[in-house]
Amino acid sequence: MRIDNTQSSLASTEAQLLTLNAQRTAEQREGETLQSMMTARLADKDELIASLQRQMAKPPKDPEGAADKDIGDA
């Protein structure tokens, strides 16, 4: 009887361990997915910042300013 109880307890513990391992694996995959998404978002952010910096470095096209110069020259 005691052996049966021990074997039953062992089987229950093994089932719990399998469940916990499956949960851990799922959480690891979720973490990897989140990390990949965050890496992509950071890359997008860096690309956006670089694009904005390039736009700021270019001289602005100011049609109003050009019109003012034309009026001032006349």
Protein backbone atom coordinates (compact mmCIF):
# COMPACT_ATOMS: atom_id res chain seq x y z
CA MET A 1 0.00 0.00 0.00
CA ARG A 2 2.78 2.39 0.91
CA ILE A 3 4.54 1.73 -2.40
CA ASP A 4 1.31 2.44 -4.27
CA ASN A 5 0.93 5.76 -2.47
CA THR A 6 4.52 6.68 -3.25
CA GLN A 7 4.11 5.77 -6.92
CA SER A 8 0.86 7.72 -7.11
CA SER A 9 2.50 10.73 -5.50
CA LEU A 10 5.44 10.44 -7.89
CA ALA A 11 3.11 10.28 -10.90
CA SER A 12 1.25 13.33 -9.64
CA THR A 13 4.50 15.22 -9.11
CA GLU A 14 5.70 14.27 -12.61
CA ALA A 15 2.42 15.52 -14.11
CA GLN A 16 2.80 18.81 -12.24
CA LEU A 17 6.38 19.10 -13.45
CA LEU A 18 5.33 18.52 -17.07
CA THR A 19 2.63 21.18 -16.72
CA LEU A 20 5.06 23.66 -15.20
CA ASN A 21 7.64 22.98 -17.91
CA ALA A 22 5.00 23.55 -20.60
CA GLN A 23 4.01 26.84 -18.94
CA ARG A 24 7.64 27.91 -18.69
CA THR A 25 8.22 27.11 -22.36
CA ALA A 26 5.13 29.10 -23.35
CA GLU A 27 6.28 32.05 -21.24
CA GLN A 28 9.76 31.88 -22.78
CA ARG A 29 8.25 31.97 -26.27
CA GLU A 30 6.04 34.88 -25.29
CA GLY A 31 9.08 36.70 -23.90
CA GLU A 32 11.03 36.06 -27.09
CA THR A 33 8.11 37.35 -29.16
CA LEU A 34 7.87 40.49 -27.05
CA GLN A 35 11.60 41.03 -27.28
CA SER A 36 11.46 40.69 -31.06
CA MET A 37 8.56 43.15 -31.25
CA MET A 38 10.39 45.66 -29.06
CA THR A 39 13.55 45.32 -31.16
CA ALA A 40 11.51 46.04 -34.29
CA ARG A 41 9.86 49.04 -32.65
CA LEU A 42 13.22 50.42 -31.54
CA ALA A 43 14.52 50.03 -35.08
CA ASP A 44 11.44 51.85 -36.39
CA LYS A 45 11.99 54.61 -33.83
CA ASP A 46 15.64 54.96 -34.81
CA GLU A 47 14.66 55.09 -38.48
CA LEU A 48 12.06 57.76 -37.77
CA ILE A 49 14.55 59.85 -35.77
CA ALA A 50 17.13 59.59 -38.56
CA SER A 51 14.52 60.60 -41.13
CA LEU A 52 13.46 63.61 -39.06
CA GLN A 53 17.09 64.64 -38.57
CA ARG A 54 17.67 64.46 -42.34
CA GLN A 55 14.57 66.58 -42.93
CA MET A 56 15.75 69.16 -40.40
CA ALA A 57 19.19 69.29 -42.01
CA LYS A 58 17.73 70.18 -45.42
CA PRO A 59 17.06 73.86 -46.10
CA PRO A 60 13.33 74.50 -45.80
CA LYS A 61 11.26 75.17 -48.86
CA ASP A 62 9.53 78.41 -47.92
CA PRO A 63 7.24 79.67 -50.67
CA GLU A 64 6.03 82.50 -48.41
CA GLY A 65 9.57 83.62 -47.75
CA ALA A 66 10.30 83.55 -51.47
CA ALA A 67 7.19 85.66 -52.11
CA ASP A 68 8.32 88.18 -49.49
CA LYS A 69 11.69 88.48 -51.22
CA ASP A 70 9.98 89.06 -54.55
CA ILE A 71 7.82 91.81 -53.04
CA GLY A 72 10.81 93.37 -51.31
CA ASP A 73 12.83 93.33 -54.53
CA ALA A 74 10.09 95.08 -56.52
